[in-house]
Amino acid sequence: MKDNLKLNIALILFLVISIIILPTIIGRGGIDNKSVNNQEIPNYIYKFTTDLLNMRTGPGIEFEKIITIPRGHKVQVLEEENDWSKIIYQGKTGYSSSKYLSDKLGEELLEDN
């Protein structure tokens, strides 16, 4: 019976460490920007739309429109080149003009939403 109790306590401690303590240590920078096998961990960049924004199949207005993103919505930016950004929005990937994306969500955008 005492062996079962010791085993249960050890299991509970293991769970507490792995579920609560370990993620806290990792979140404080305990792990740098490298993962196992020296693979880079991507740093996600997010921006906000400053106006209605067309997402297109390629980097130019001649490409087909996929979706129009409302003003003030957050998109993930994968790459930027020649005033166009490759973005992800609602699970869709496409290209949008970089001039309609901002690092910060301005107060004027918050009032409209």
PDB file of N, CA and C in Angstrom:
ATOM      1  N   MET A   1       0.817  -1.177   0.000  1.00  0.00           N
ATOM      2  CA  MET A   1       0.000   0.000   0.000  1.00  0.00           C
ATOM      3  C   MET A   1       0.873   1.258   0.000  1.00  0.00           C
ATOM      4  N   LYS A   2       1.980   1.256   0.813  1.00  0.00           N
ATOM      5  CA  LYS A   2       2.868   2.405   0.865  1.00  0.00           C
ATOM      6  C   LYS A   2       3.563   2.612  -0.469  1.00  0.00           C
ATOM      7  N   ASP A   3       3.869   1.516  -1.163  1.00  0.00           N
ATOM      8  CA  ASP A   3       4.515   1.632  -2.469  1.00  0.00           C
ATOM      9  C   ASP A   3       3.584   2.303  -3.465  1.00  0.00           C
ATOM     10  N   ASN A   4       2.288   1.955  -3.438  1.00  0.00           N
ATOM     11  CA  ASN A   4       1.314   2.605  -4.319  1.00  0.00           C
ATOM     12  C   ASN A   4       1.214   4.094  -4.021  1.00  0.00           C
ATOM     13  N   LEU A   5       1.241   4.464  -2.761  1.00  0.00           N
ATOM     14  CA  LEU A   5       1.164   5.863  -2.367  1.00  0.00           C
ATOM     15  C   LEU A   5       2.377   6.633  -2.876  1.00  0.00           C
ATOM     16  N   LYS A   6       3.552   6.060  -2.736  1.00  0.00           N
ATOM     17  CA  LYS A   6       4.772   6.701  -3.227  1.00  0.00           C
ATOM     18  C   LYS A   6       4.732   6.858  -4.746  1.00  0.00           C
ATOM     19  N   LEU A   7       4.248   5.837  -5.419  1.00  0.00           N
ATOM     20  CA  LEU A   7       4.142   5.890  -6.875  1.00  0.00           C
ATOM     21  C   LEU A   7       3.147   6.965  -7.309  1.00  0.00           C
ATOM     22  N   ASN A   8       2.017   7.052  -6.624  1.00  0.00           N
ATOM     23  CA  ASN A   8       1.019   8.077  -6.946  1.00  0.00           C
ATOM     24  C   ASN A   8       1.566   9.480  -6.709  1.00  0.00           C
ATOM     25  N   ILE A   9       2.286   9.680  -5.623  1.00  0.00           N
ATOM     26  CA  ILE A   9       2.876  10.990  -5.331  1.00  0.00           C
ATOM     27  C   ILE A   9       3.914  11.345  -6.395  1.00  0.00           C
ATOM     28  N   ALA A  10       4.733  10.382  -6.779  1.00  0.00           N
ATOM     29  CA  ALA A  10       5.743  10.628  -7.811  1.00  0.00           C
ATOM     30  C   ALA A  10       5.080  10.978  -9.141  1.00  0.00           C
ATOM     31  N   LEU A  11       4.011  10.309  -9.471  1.00  0.00           N
ATOM     32  CA  LEU A  11       3.288  10.582 -10.713  1.00  0.00           C
ATOM     33  C   LEU A  11       2.661  11.979 -10.688  1.00  0.00           C
ATOM     34  N   ILE A  12       2.081  12.343  -9.571  1.00  0.00           N
ATOM     35  CA  ILE A  12       1.478  13.675  -9.436  1.00  0.00           C
ATOM     36  C   ILE A  12       2.552  14.752  -9.560  1.00  0.00           C
ATOM     37  N   LEU A  13       3.696  14.562  -8.917  1.00  0.00           N
ATOM     38  CA  LEU A  13       4.790  15.527  -9.025  1.00  0.00           C
ATOM     39  C   LEU A  13       5.277  15.648 -10.467  1.00  0.00           C
ATOM     40  N   PHE A  14       5.403  14.537 -11.146  1.00  0.00           N
ATOM     41  CA  PHE A  14       5.823  14.559 -12.541  1.00  0.00           C
ATOM     42  C   PHE A  14       4.834  15.355 -13.398  1.00  0.00           C
ATOM     43  N   LEU A  15       3.544  15.127 -13.190  1.00  0.00           N
ATOM     44  CA  LEU A  15       2.528  15.846 -13.947  1.00  0.00           C
ATOM     45  C   LEU A  15       2.558  17.342 -13.658  1.00  0.00           C
ATOM     46  N   VAL A  16       2.713  17.714 -12.389  1.00  0.00           N
ATOM     47  CA  VAL A  16       2.779  19.125 -12.027  1.00  0.00           C
ATOM     48  C   VAL A  16       3.974  19.786 -12.698  1.00  0.00           C
ATOM     49  N   ILE A  17       5.107  19.132 -12.659  1.00  0.00           N
ATOM     50  CA  ILE A  17       6.312  19.689 -13.282  1.00  0.00           C
ATOM     51  C   ILE A  17       6.135  19.814 -14.788  1.00  0.00           C
ATOM     52  N   SER A  18       5.617  18.799 -15.432  1.00  0.00           N
ATOM     53  CA  SER A  18       5.517  18.819 -16.892  1.00  0.00           C
ATOM     54  C   SER A  18       4.396  19.717 -17.402  1.00  0.00           C
ATOM     55  N   ILE A  19       3.332  19.898 -16.638  1.00  0.00           N
ATOM     56  CA  ILE A  19       2.195  20.697 -17.108  1.00  0.00           C
ATOM     57  C   ILE A  19       2.293  22.155 -16.668  1.00  0.00           C
ATOM     58  N   ILE A  20       2.784  22.415 -15.478  1.00  0.00           N
ATOM     59  CA  ILE A  20       2.768  23.780 -14.950  1.00  0.00           C
ATOM     60  C   ILE A  20       4.154  24.419 -14.945  1.00  0.00           C
ATOM     61  N   ILE A  21       5.121  23.758 -14.380  1.00  0.00           N
ATOM     62  CA  ILE A  21       6.429  24.373 -14.179  1.00  0.00           C
ATOM     63  C   ILE A  21       7.252  24.438 -15.460  1.00  0.00           C
ATOM     64  N   LEU A  22       7.335  23.381 -16.211  1.00  0.00           N
ATOM     65  CA  LEU A  22       8.157  23.353 -17.421  1.00  0.00           C
ATOM     66  C   LEU A  22       7.727  24.393 -18.462  1.00  0.00           C
ATOM     67  N   PRO A  23       6.435  24.527 -18.789  1.00  0.00           N
ATOM     68  CA  PRO A  23       6.048  25.581 -19.746  1.00  0.00           C
ATOM     69  C   PRO A  23       6.394  26.993 -19.255  1.00  0.00           C
ATOM     70  N   THR A  24       6.343  27.215 -17.944  1.00  0.00           N
ATOM     71  CA  THR A  24       6.705  28.512 -17.392  1.00  0.00           C
ATOM     72  C   THR A  24       8.182  28.789 -17.607  1.00  0.00           C
ATOM     73  N   ILE A  25       9.021  27.796 -17.391  1.00  0.00           N
ATOM     74  CA  ILE A  25      10.457  27.957 -17.602  1.00  0.00           C
ATOM     75  C   ILE A  25      10.748  28.226 -19.072  1.00  0.00           C
ATOM     76  N   ILE A  26      10.106  27.503 -19.962  1.00  0.00           N
ATOM     77  CA  ILE A  26      10.312  27.685 -21.397  1.00  0.00           C
ATOM     78  C   ILE A  26       9.849  29.076 -21.814  1.00  0.00           C
ATOM     79  N   GLY A  27       8.723  29.535 -21.277  1.00  0.00           N
ATOM     80  CA  GLY A  27       8.183  30.849 -21.625  1.00  0.00           C
ATOM     81  C   GLY A  27       9.062  32.004 -21.182  1.00  0.00           C
ATOM     82  N   ARG A  28       9.929  31.797 -20.213  1.00  0.00           N
ATOM     83  CA  ARG A  28      10.823  32.846 -19.743  1.00  0.00           C
ATOM     84  C   ARG A  28      12.103  32.923 -20.549  1.00  0.00           C
ATOM     85  N   GLY A  29      12.178  32.220 -21.633  1.00  0.00           N
ATOM     86  CA  GLY A  29      13.390  32.276 -22.430  1.00  0.00           C
ATOM     87  C   GLY A  29      14.372  31.183 -22.077  1.00  0.00           C
ATOM     88  N   GLY A  30      13.921  30.148 -21.400  1.00  0.00           N
ATOM     89  CA  GLY A  30      14.795  29.049 -21.055  1.00  0.00           C
ATOM     90  C   GLY A  30      15.295  28.314 -22.281  1.00  0.00           C
ATOM     91  N   ILE A  31      14.581  28.468 -23.375  1.00  0.00           N
ATOM     92  CA  ILE A  31      14.993  27.872 -24.639  1.00  0.00           C
ATOM     93  C   ILE A  31      15.168  29.011 -25.624  1.00  0.00           C
ATOM     94  N   ASP A  32      16.309  29.047 -26.316  1.00  0.00           N
ATOM     95  CA  ASP A  32      16.536  30.136 -27.263  1.00  0.00           C
ATOM     96  C   ASP A  32      15.840  29.851 -28.582  1.00  0.00           C
ATOM     97  N   ASN A  33      16.217  30.550 -29.616  1.00  0.00           N
ATOM     98  CA  ASN A  33      15.538  30.447 -30.907  1.00  0.00           C
ATOM     99  C   ASN A  33      15.997  29.231 -31.712  1.00  0.00           C
ATOM    100  N   LYS A  34      16.518  28.244 -31.063  1.00  0.00           N
ATOM    101  CA  LYS A  34      16.917  27.001 -31.717  1.00  0.00           C
ATOM    102  C   LYS A  34      16.162  25.860 -31.049  1.00  0.00           C
ATOM    103  N   SER A  35      15.827  24.859 -31.805  1.00  0.00           N
ATOM    104  CA  SER A  35      15.174  23.701 -31.211  1.00  0.00           C
ATOM    105  C   SER A  35      16.092  22.509 -31.366  1.00  0.00           C
ATOM    106  N   VAL A  36      15.559  21.343 -31.207  1.00  0.00           N
ATOM    107  CA  VAL A  36      16.341  20.126 -31.347  1.00  0.00           C
ATOM    108  C   VAL A  36      16.973  20.080 -32.731  1.00  0.00           C
ATOM    109  N   ASN A  37      18.169  19.608 -32.821  1.00  0.00           N
ATOM    110  CA  ASN A  37      18.930  19.496 -34.069  1.00  0.00           C
ATOM    111  C   ASN A  37      19.232  20.863 -34.687  1.00  0.00           C
ATOM    112  N   ASN A  38      19.285  21.913 -33.858  1.00  0.00           N
ATOM    113  CA  ASN A  38      19.621  23.263 -34.330  1.00  0.00           C
ATOM    114  C   ASN A  38      18.678  23.790 -35.405  1.00  0.00           C
ATOM    115  N   GLN A  39      17.437  23.339 -35.430  1.00  0.00           N
ATOM    116  CA  GLN A  39      16.451  23.857 -36.380  1.00  0.00           C
ATOM    117  C   GLN A  39      15.908  25.171 -35.851  1.00  0.00           C
ATOM    118  N   GLU A  40      15.738  26.161 -36.742  1.00  0.00           N
ATOM    119  CA  GLU A  40      15.184  27.448 -36.341  1.00  0.00           C
ATOM    120  C   GLU A  40      13.714  27.298 -35.969  1.00  0.00           C
ATOM    121  N   ILE A  41      13.321  27.967 -34.910  1.00  0.00           N
ATOM    122  CA  ILE A  41      11.914  28.052 -34.528  1.00  0.00           C
ATOM    123  C   ILE A  41      11.405  29.347 -35.145  1.00  0.00           C
ATOM    124  N   PRO A  42      10.358  29.298 -35.945  1.00  0.00           N
ATOM    125  CA  PRO A  42       9.913  30.520 -36.624  1.00  0.00           C
ATOM    126  C   PRO A  42       9.405  31.567 -35.643  1.00  0.00           C
ATOM    127  N   ASN A  43       9.769  32.812 -35.917  1.00  0.00           N
ATOM    128  CA  ASN A  43       9.223  33.948 -35.174  1.00  0.00           C
ATOM    129  C   ASN A  43       8.078  34.496 -35.996  1.00  0.00           C
ATOM    130  N   TYR A  44       6.859  34.324 -35.513  1.00  0.00           N
ATOM    131  CA  TYR A  44       5.705  34.772 -36.263  1.00  0.00           C
ATOM    132  C   TYR A  44       5.557  36.280 -36.166  1.00  0.00           C
ATOM    133  N   ILE A  45       5.277  36.910 -37.291  1.00  0.00           N
ATOM    134  CA  ILE A  45       5.052  38.343 -37.356  1.00  0.00           C
ATOM    135  C   ILE A  45       3.579  38.558 -37.664  1.00  0.00           C
ATOM    136  N   TYR A  46       2.945  39.399 -36.868  1.00  0.00           N
ATOM    137  CA  TYR A  46       1.542  39.727 -37.094  1.00  0.00           C
ATOM    138  C   TYR A  46       1.420  41.222 -37.354  1.00  0.00           C
ATOM    139  N   LYS A  47       0.514  41.578 -38.264  1.00  0.00           N
ATOM    140  CA  LYS A  47       0.219  42.974 -38.555  1.00  0.00           C
ATOM    141  C   LYS A  47      -1.287  43.140 -38.650  1.00  0.00           C
ATOM    142  N   PHE A  48      -1.718  44.403 -38.674  1.00  0.00           N
ATOM    143  CA  PHE A  48      -3.135  44.723 -38.724  1.00  0.00           C
ATOM    144  C   PHE A  48      -3.449  45.461 -40.019  1.00  0.00           C
ATOM    145  N   THR A  49      -4.614  45.172 -40.576  1.00  0.00           N
ATOM    146  CA  THR A  49      -5.035  45.860 -41.794  1.00  0.00           C
ATOM    147  C   THR A  49      -5.492  47.262 -41.444  1.00  0.00           C
ATOM    148  N   THR A  50      -5.086  48.244 -42.263  1.00  0.00           N
ATOM    149  CA  THR A  50      -5.444  49.640 -42.003  1.00  0.00           C
ATOM    150  C   THR A  50      -6.632  50.092 -42.848  1.00  0.00           C
ATOM    151  N   ASP A  51      -7.080  49.241 -43.752  1.00  0.00           N
ATOM    152  CA  ASP A  51      -8.223  49.525 -44.617  1.00  0.00           C
ATOM    153  C   ASP A  51      -8.713  48.179 -45.141  1.00  0.00           C
ATOM    154  N   LEU A  52      -9.772  48.178 -45.925  1.00  0.00           N
ATOM    155  CA  LEU A  52     -10.160  46.934 -46.594  1.00  0.00           C
ATOM    156  C   LEU A  52      -8.954  46.470 -47.408  1.00  0.00           C
ATOM    157  N   LEU A  53      -8.631  45.201 -47.314  1.00  0.00           N
ATOM    158  CA  LEU A  53      -7.410  44.700 -47.940  1.00  0.00           C
ATOM    159  C   LEU A  53      -7.714  43.454 -48.763  1.00  0.00           C
ATOM    160  N   ASN A  54      -7.392  43.515 -50.051  1.00  0.00           N
ATOM    161  CA  ASN A  54      -7.575  42.350 -50.915  1.00  0.00           C
ATOM    162  C   ASN A  54      -6.392  41.403 -50.775  1.00  0.00           C
ATOM    163  N   MET A  55      -6.692  40.131 -50.497  1.00  0.00           N
ATOM    164  CA  MET A  55      -5.663  39.090 -50.527  1.00  0.00           C
ATOM    165  C   MET A  55      -5.721  38.476 -51.913  1.00  0.00           C
ATOM    166  N   ARG A  56      -4.568  38.355 -52.553  1.00  0.00           N
ATOM    167  CA  ARG A  56      -4.504  37.872 -53.939  1.00  0.00           C
ATOM    168  C   ARG A  56      -3.651  36.615 -54.050  1.00  0.00           C
ATOM    169  N   THR A  57      -3.757  35.954 -55.190  1.00  0.00           N
ATOM    170  CA  THR A  57      -3.011  34.713 -55.422  1.00  0.00           C
ATOM    171  C   THR A  57      -1.532  34.963 -55.700  1.00  0.00           C
ATOM    172  N   GLY A  58      -1.170  36.197 -55.992  1.00  0.00           N
ATOM    173  CA  GLY A  58       0.225  36.547 -56.264  1.00  0.00           C
ATOM    174  C   GLY A  58       0.486  37.988 -55.883  1.00  0.00           C
ATOM    175  N   PRO A  59       1.757  38.411 -55.933  1.00  0.00           N
ATOM    176  CA  PRO A  59       2.133  39.757 -55.494  1.00  0.00           C
ATOM    177  C   PRO A  59       1.920  40.827 -56.563  1.00  0.00           C
ATOM    178  N   GLY A  60       0.673  41.171 -56.838  1.00  0.00           N
ATOM    179  CA  GLY A  60       0.358  42.214 -57.805  1.00  0.00           C
ATOM    180  C   GLY A  60      -1.147  42.298 -58.021  1.00  0.00           C
ATOM    181  N   ILE A  61      -1.599  43.474 -58.494  1.00  0.00           N
ATOM    182  CA  ILE A  61      -3.043  43.656 -58.676  1.00  0.00           C
ATOM    183  C   ILE A  61      -3.587  42.858 -59.851  1.00  0.00           C
ATOM    184  N   GLU A  62      -2.703  42.352 -60.696  1.00  0.00           N
ATOM    185  CA  GLU A  62      -3.156  41.536 -61.818  1.00  0.00           C
ATOM    186  C   GLU A  62      -3.530  40.110 -61.405  1.00  0.00           C
ATOM    187  N   PHE A  63      -3.195  39.734 -60.167  1.00  0.00           N
ATOM    188  CA  PHE A  63      -3.518  38.396 -59.681  1.00  0.00           C
ATOM    189  C   PHE A  63      -4.943  38.354 -59.139  1.00  0.00           C
ATOM    190  N   GLU A  64      -5.532  37.169 -59.178  1.00  0.00           N
ATOM    191  CA  GLU A  64      -6.921  36.975 -58.746  1.00  0.00           C
ATOM    192  C   GLU A  64      -7.089  37.252 -57.258  1.00  0.00           C
ATOM    193  N   LYS A  65      -8.214  37.895 -56.910  1.00  0.00           N
ATOM    194  CA  LYS A  65      -8.540  38.190 -55.516  1.00  0.00           C
ATOM    195  C   LYS A  65      -9.080  36.916 -54.847  1.00  0.00           C
ATOM    196  N   ILE A  66      -8.541  36.605 -53.681  1.00  0.00           N
ATOM    197  CA  ILE A  66      -8.981  35.443 -52.902  1.00  0.00           C
ATOM    198  C   ILE A  66     -10.089  35.852 -51.935  1.00  0.00           C
ATOM    199  N   ILE A  67      -9.841  36.956 -51.194  1.00  0.00           N
ATOM    200  CA  ILE A  67     -10.751  37.411 -50.150  1.00  0.00           C
ATOM    201  C   ILE A  67     -10.442  38.877 -49.868  1.00  0.00           C
ATOM    202  N   THR A  68     -11.433  39.611 -49.359  1.00  0.00           N
ATOM    203  CA  THR A  68     -11.204  40.967 -48.873  1.00  0.00           C
ATOM    204  C   THR A  68     -11.228  40.928 -47.356  1.00  0.00           C
ATOM    205  N   ILE A  69     -10.149  41.394 -46.747  1.00  0.00           N
ATOM    206  CA  ILE A  69     -10.005  41.364 -45.293  1.00  0.00           C
ATOM    207  C   ILE A  69     -10.479  42.712 -44.734  1.00  0.00           C
ATOM    208  N   PRO A  70     -11.338  42.688 -43.722  1.00  0.00           N
ATOM    209  CA  PRO A  70     -11.824  43.950 -43.145  1.00  0.00           C
ATOM    210  C   PRO A  70     -10.710  44.746 -42.448  1.00  0.00           C
ATOM    211  N   ARG A  71     -10.933  46.010 -42.326  1.00  0.00           N
ATOM    212  CA  ARG A  71     -10.017  46.922 -41.651  1.00  0.00           C
ATOM    213  C   ARG A  71      -9.897  46.550 -40.172  1.00  0.00           C
ATOM    214  N   GLY A  72      -8.659  46.590 -39.656  1.00  0.00           N
ATOM    215  CA  GLY A  72      -8.421  46.314 -38.243  1.00  0.00           C
ATOM    216  C   GLY A  72      -8.232  44.854 -37.895  1.00  0.00           C
ATOM    217  N   HIS A  73      -8.189  43.967 -38.889  1.00  0.00           N
ATOM    218  CA  HIS A  73      -8.015  42.544 -38.611  1.00  0.00           C
ATOM    219  C   HIS A  73      -6.538  42.167 -38.621  1.00  0.00           C
ATOM    220  N   LYS A  74      -6.197  41.159 -37.801  1.00  0.00           N
ATOM    221  CA  LYS A  74      -4.817  40.704 -37.661  1.00  0.00           C
ATOM    222  C   LYS A  74      -4.514  39.625 -38.696  1.00  0.00           C
ATOM    223  N   VAL A  75      -3.342  39.747 -39.349  1.00  0.00           N
ATOM    224  CA  VAL A  75      -2.887  38.743 -40.307  1.00  0.00           C
ATOM    225  C   VAL A  75      -1.475  38.320 -39.925  1.00  0.00           C
ATOM    226  N   GLN A  76      -1.111  37.108 -40.276  1.00  0.00           N
ATOM    227  CA  GLN A  76       0.253  36.636 -40.057  1.00  0.00           C
ATOM    228  C   GLN A  76       1.057  36.918 -41.317  1.00  0.00           C
ATOM    229  N   VAL A  77       2.196  37.562 -41.165  1.00  0.00           N
ATOM    230  CA  VAL A  77       3.052  37.898 -42.300  1.00  0.00           C
ATOM    231  C   VAL A  77       4.162  36.857 -42.407  1.00  0.00           C
ATOM    232  N   LEU A  78       4.220  36.190 -43.567  1.00  0.00           N
ATOM    233  CA  LEU A  78       5.246  35.174 -43.793  1.00  0.00           C
ATOM    234  C   LEU A  78       6.512  35.766 -44.387  1.00  0.00           C
ATOM    235  N   GLU A  79       6.327  36.700 -45.326  1.00  0.00           N
ATOM    236  CA  GLU A  79       7.477  37.365 -45.948  1.00  0.00           C
ATOM    237  C   GLU A  79       7.022  38.655 -46.599  1.00  0.00           C
ATOM    238  N   GLU A  80       7.968  39.568 -46.796  1.00  0.00           N
ATOM    239  CA  GLU A  80       7.674  40.855 -47.431  1.00  0.00           C
ATOM    240  C   GLU A  80       8.720  41.106 -48.514  1.00  0.00           C
ATOM    241  N   GLU A  81       8.232  41.550 -49.685  1.00  0.00           N
ATOM    242  CA  GLU A  81       9.152  41.853 -50.771  1.00  0.00           C
ATOM    243  C   GLU A  81       8.466  42.772 -51.776  1.00  0.00           C
ATOM    244  N   ASN A  82       9.177  43.830 -52.177  1.00  0.00           N
ATOM    245  CA  ASN A  82       8.692  44.770 -53.190  1.00  0.00           C
ATOM    246  C   ASN A  82       7.290  45.296 -52.892  1.00  0.00           C
ATOM    247  N   ASP A  83       7.070  45.768 -51.693  1.00  0.00           N
ATOM    248  CA  ASP A  83       5.793  46.366 -51.268  1.00  0.00           C
ATOM    249  C   ASP A  83       4.635  45.372 -51.212  1.00  0.00           C
ATOM    250  N   TRP A  84       4.927  44.081 -51.254  1.00  0.00           N
ATOM    251  CA  TRP A  84       3.885  43.056 -51.123  1.00  0.00           C
ATOM    252  C   TRP A  84       4.251  42.123 -49.982  1.00  0.00           C
ATOM    253  N   SER A  85       3.249  41.661 -49.257  1.00  0.00           N
ATOM    254  CA  SER A  85       3.454  40.738 -48.144  1.00  0.00           C
ATOM    255  C   SER A  85       2.723  39.435 -48.427  1.00  0.00           C
ATOM    256  N   LYS A  86       3.397  38.336 -48.169  1.00  0.00           N
ATOM    257  CA  LYS A  86       2.744  37.028 -48.222  1.00  0.00           C
ATOM    258  C   LYS A  86       2.161  36.812 -46.827  1.00  0.00           C
ATOM    259  N   ILE A  87       0.840  36.609 -46.763  1.00  0.00           N
ATOM    260  CA  ILE A  87       0.155  36.567 -45.470  1.00  0.00           C
ATOM    261  C   ILE A  87      -0.731  35.336 -45.335  1.00  0.00           C
ATOM    262  N   ILE A  88      -1.120  35.079 -44.081  1.00  0.00           N
ATOM    263  CA  ILE A  88      -2.120  34.054 -43.769  1.00  0.00           C
ATOM    264  C   ILE A  88      -3.250  34.748 -43.020  1.00  0.00           C
ATOM    265  N   TYR A  89      -4.481  34.493 -43.464  1.00  0.00           N
ATOM    266  CA  TYR A  89      -5.671  35.031 -42.804  1.00  0.00           C
ATOM    267  C   TYR A  89      -6.776  33.990 -42.895  1.00  0.00           C
ATOM    268  N   GLN A  90      -7.323  33.614 -41.770  1.00  0.00           N
ATOM    269  CA  GLN A  90      -8.393  32.612 -41.686  1.00  0.00           C
ATOM    270  C   GLN A  90      -8.036  31.340 -42.449  1.00  0.00           C
ATOM    271  N   GLY A  91      -6.799  30.893 -42.311  1.00  0.00           N
ATOM    272  CA  GLY A  91      -6.351  29.650 -42.929  1.00  0.00           C
ATOM    273  C   GLY A  91      -6.017  29.752 -44.407  1.00  0.00           C
ATOM    274  N   LYS A  92      -6.188  30.926 -44.990  1.00  0.00           N
ATOM    275  CA  LYS A  92      -5.871  31.138 -46.407  1.00  0.00           C
ATOM    276  C   LYS A  92      -4.534  31.854 -46.520  1.00  0.00           C
ATOM    277  N   THR A  93      -3.743  31.474 -47.518  1.00  0.00           N
ATOM    278  CA  THR A  93      -2.456  32.116 -47.760  1.00  0.00           C
ATOM    279  C   THR A  93      -2.514  32.852 -49.086  1.00  0.00           C
ATOM    280  N   GLY A  94      -2.017  34.080 -49.089  1.00  0.00           N
ATOM    281  CA  GLY A  94      -2.008  34.872 -50.305  1.00  0.00           C
ATOM    282  C   GLY A  94      -1.128  36.096 -50.137  1.00  0.00           C
ATOM    283  N   TYR A  95      -1.292  37.037 -51.048  1.00  0.00           N
ATOM    284  CA  TYR A  95      -0.460  38.243 -51.068  1.00  0.00           C
ATOM    285  C   TYR A  95      -1.330  39.481 -50.952  1.00  0.00           C
ATOM    286  N   SER A  96      -0.797  40.483 -50.219  1.00  0.00           N
ATOM    287  CA  SER A  96      -1.489  41.757 -50.059  1.00  0.00           C
ATOM    288  C   SER A  96      -0.475  42.883 -50.082  1.00  0.00           C
ATOM    289  N   SER A  97      -0.951  44.055 -50.448  1.00  0.00           N
ATOM    290  CA  SER A  97      -0.096  45.235 -50.459  1.00  0.00           C
ATOM    291  C   SER A  97       0.368  45.553 -49.041  1.00  0.00           C
ATOM    292  N   SER A  98       1.675  45.732 -48.865  1.00  0.00           N
ATOM    293  CA  SER A  98       2.247  46.010 -47.545  1.00  0.00           C
ATOM    294  C   SER A  98       1.847  47.376 -47.013  1.00  0.00           C
ATOM    295  N   LYS A  99       1.473  48.297 -47.907  1.00  0.00           N
ATOM    296  CA  LYS A  99       1.173  49.648 -47.432  1.00  0.00           C
ATOM    297  C   LYS A  99      -0.139  49.714 -46.645  1.00  0.00           C
ATOM    298  N   TYR A 100      -0.941  48.660 -46.683  1.00  0.00           N
ATOM    299  CA  TYR A 100      -2.186  48.613 -45.917  1.00  0.00           C
ATOM    300  C   TYR A 100      -2.068  47.727 -44.674  1.00  0.00           C
ATOM    301  N   LEU A 101      -0.832  47.467 -44.257  1.00  0.00           N
ATOM    302  CA  LEU A 101      -0.579  46.672 -43.055  1.00  0.00           C
ATOM    303  C   LEU A 101       0.219  47.512 -42.065  1.00  0.00           C
ATOM    304  N   SER A 102      -0.125  47.398 -40.778  1.00  0.00           N
ATOM    305  CA  SER A 102       0.545  48.167 -39.739  1.00  0.00           C
ATOM    306  C   SER A 102       0.962  47.246 -38.601  1.00  0.00           C
ATOM    307  N   ASP A 103       2.082  47.593 -37.948  1.00  0.00           N
ATOM    308  CA  ASP A 103       2.550  46.827 -36.799  1.00  0.00           C
ATOM    309  C   ASP A 103       1.620  46.976 -35.596  1.00  0.00           C
ATOM    310  N   LYS A 104       0.908  48.094 -35.539  1.00  0.00           N
ATOM    311  CA  LYS A 104       0.060  48.381 -34.381  1.00  0.00           C
ATOM    312  C   LYS A 104      -1.374  48.602 -34.812  1.00  0.00           C
ATOM    313  N   LEU A 105      -2.272  48.235 -33.937  1.00  0.00           N
ATOM    314  CA  LEU A 105      -3.690  48.472 -34.151  1.00  0.00           C
ATOM    315  C   LEU A 105      -4.003  49.850 -33.587  1.00  0.00           C
ATOM    316  N   GLY A 106      -4.201  50.831 -34.459  1.00  0.00           N
ATOM    317  CA  GLY A 106      -4.425  52.198 -34.024  1.00  0.00           C
ATOM    318  C   GLY A 106      -5.764  52.385 -33.350  1.00  0.00           C
ATOM    319  N   GLU A 107      -5.848  53.414 -32.521  1.00  0.00           N
ATOM    320  CA  GLU A 107      -7.076  53.725 -31.797  1.00  0.00           C
ATOM    321  C   GLU A 107      -8.233  53.984 -32.757  1.00  0.00           C
ATOM    322  N   GLU A 108      -7.940  54.617 -33.893  1.00  0.00           N
ATOM    323  CA  GLU A 108      -9.021  54.910 -34.852  1.00  0.00           C
ATOM    324  C   GLU A 108      -9.624  53.628 -35.425  1.00  0.00           C
ATOM    325  N   LEU A 109      -8.835  52.558 -35.496  1.00  0.00           N
ATOM    326  CA  LEU A 109      -9.358  51.278 -35.983  1.00  0.00           C
ATOM    327  C   LEU A 109     -10.208  50.610 -34.911  1.00  0.00           C
ATOM    328  N   LEU A 110      -9.813  50.768 -33.664  1.00  0.00           N
ATOM    329  CA  LEU A 110     -10.582  50.170 -32.565  1.00  0.00           C
ATOM    330  C   LEU A 110     -11.976  50.777 -32.469  1.00  0.00           C
ATOM    331  N   GLU A 111     -12.087  52.073 -32.747  1.00  0.00           N
ATOM    332  CA  GLU A 111     -13.388  52.749 -32.654  1.00  0.00           C
ATOM    333  C   GLU A 111     -14.374  52.253 -33.692  1.00  0.00           C
ATOM    334  N   ASP A 112     -13.863  51.836 -34.863  1.00  0.00           N
ATOM    335  CA  ASP A 112     -14.734  51.375 -35.945  1.00  0.00           C
ATOM    336  C   ASP A 112     -15.189  49.941 -35.767  1.00  0.00           C
ATOM    337  N   ASN A 113     -14.508  49.154 -34.951  1.00  0.00           N
ATOM    338  CA  ASN A 113     -14.828  47.729 -34.818  1.00  0.00           C
ATOM    339  C   ASN A 113     -15.610  47.430 -33.575  1.00  0.00           C
TER     340      ASN A 113
END
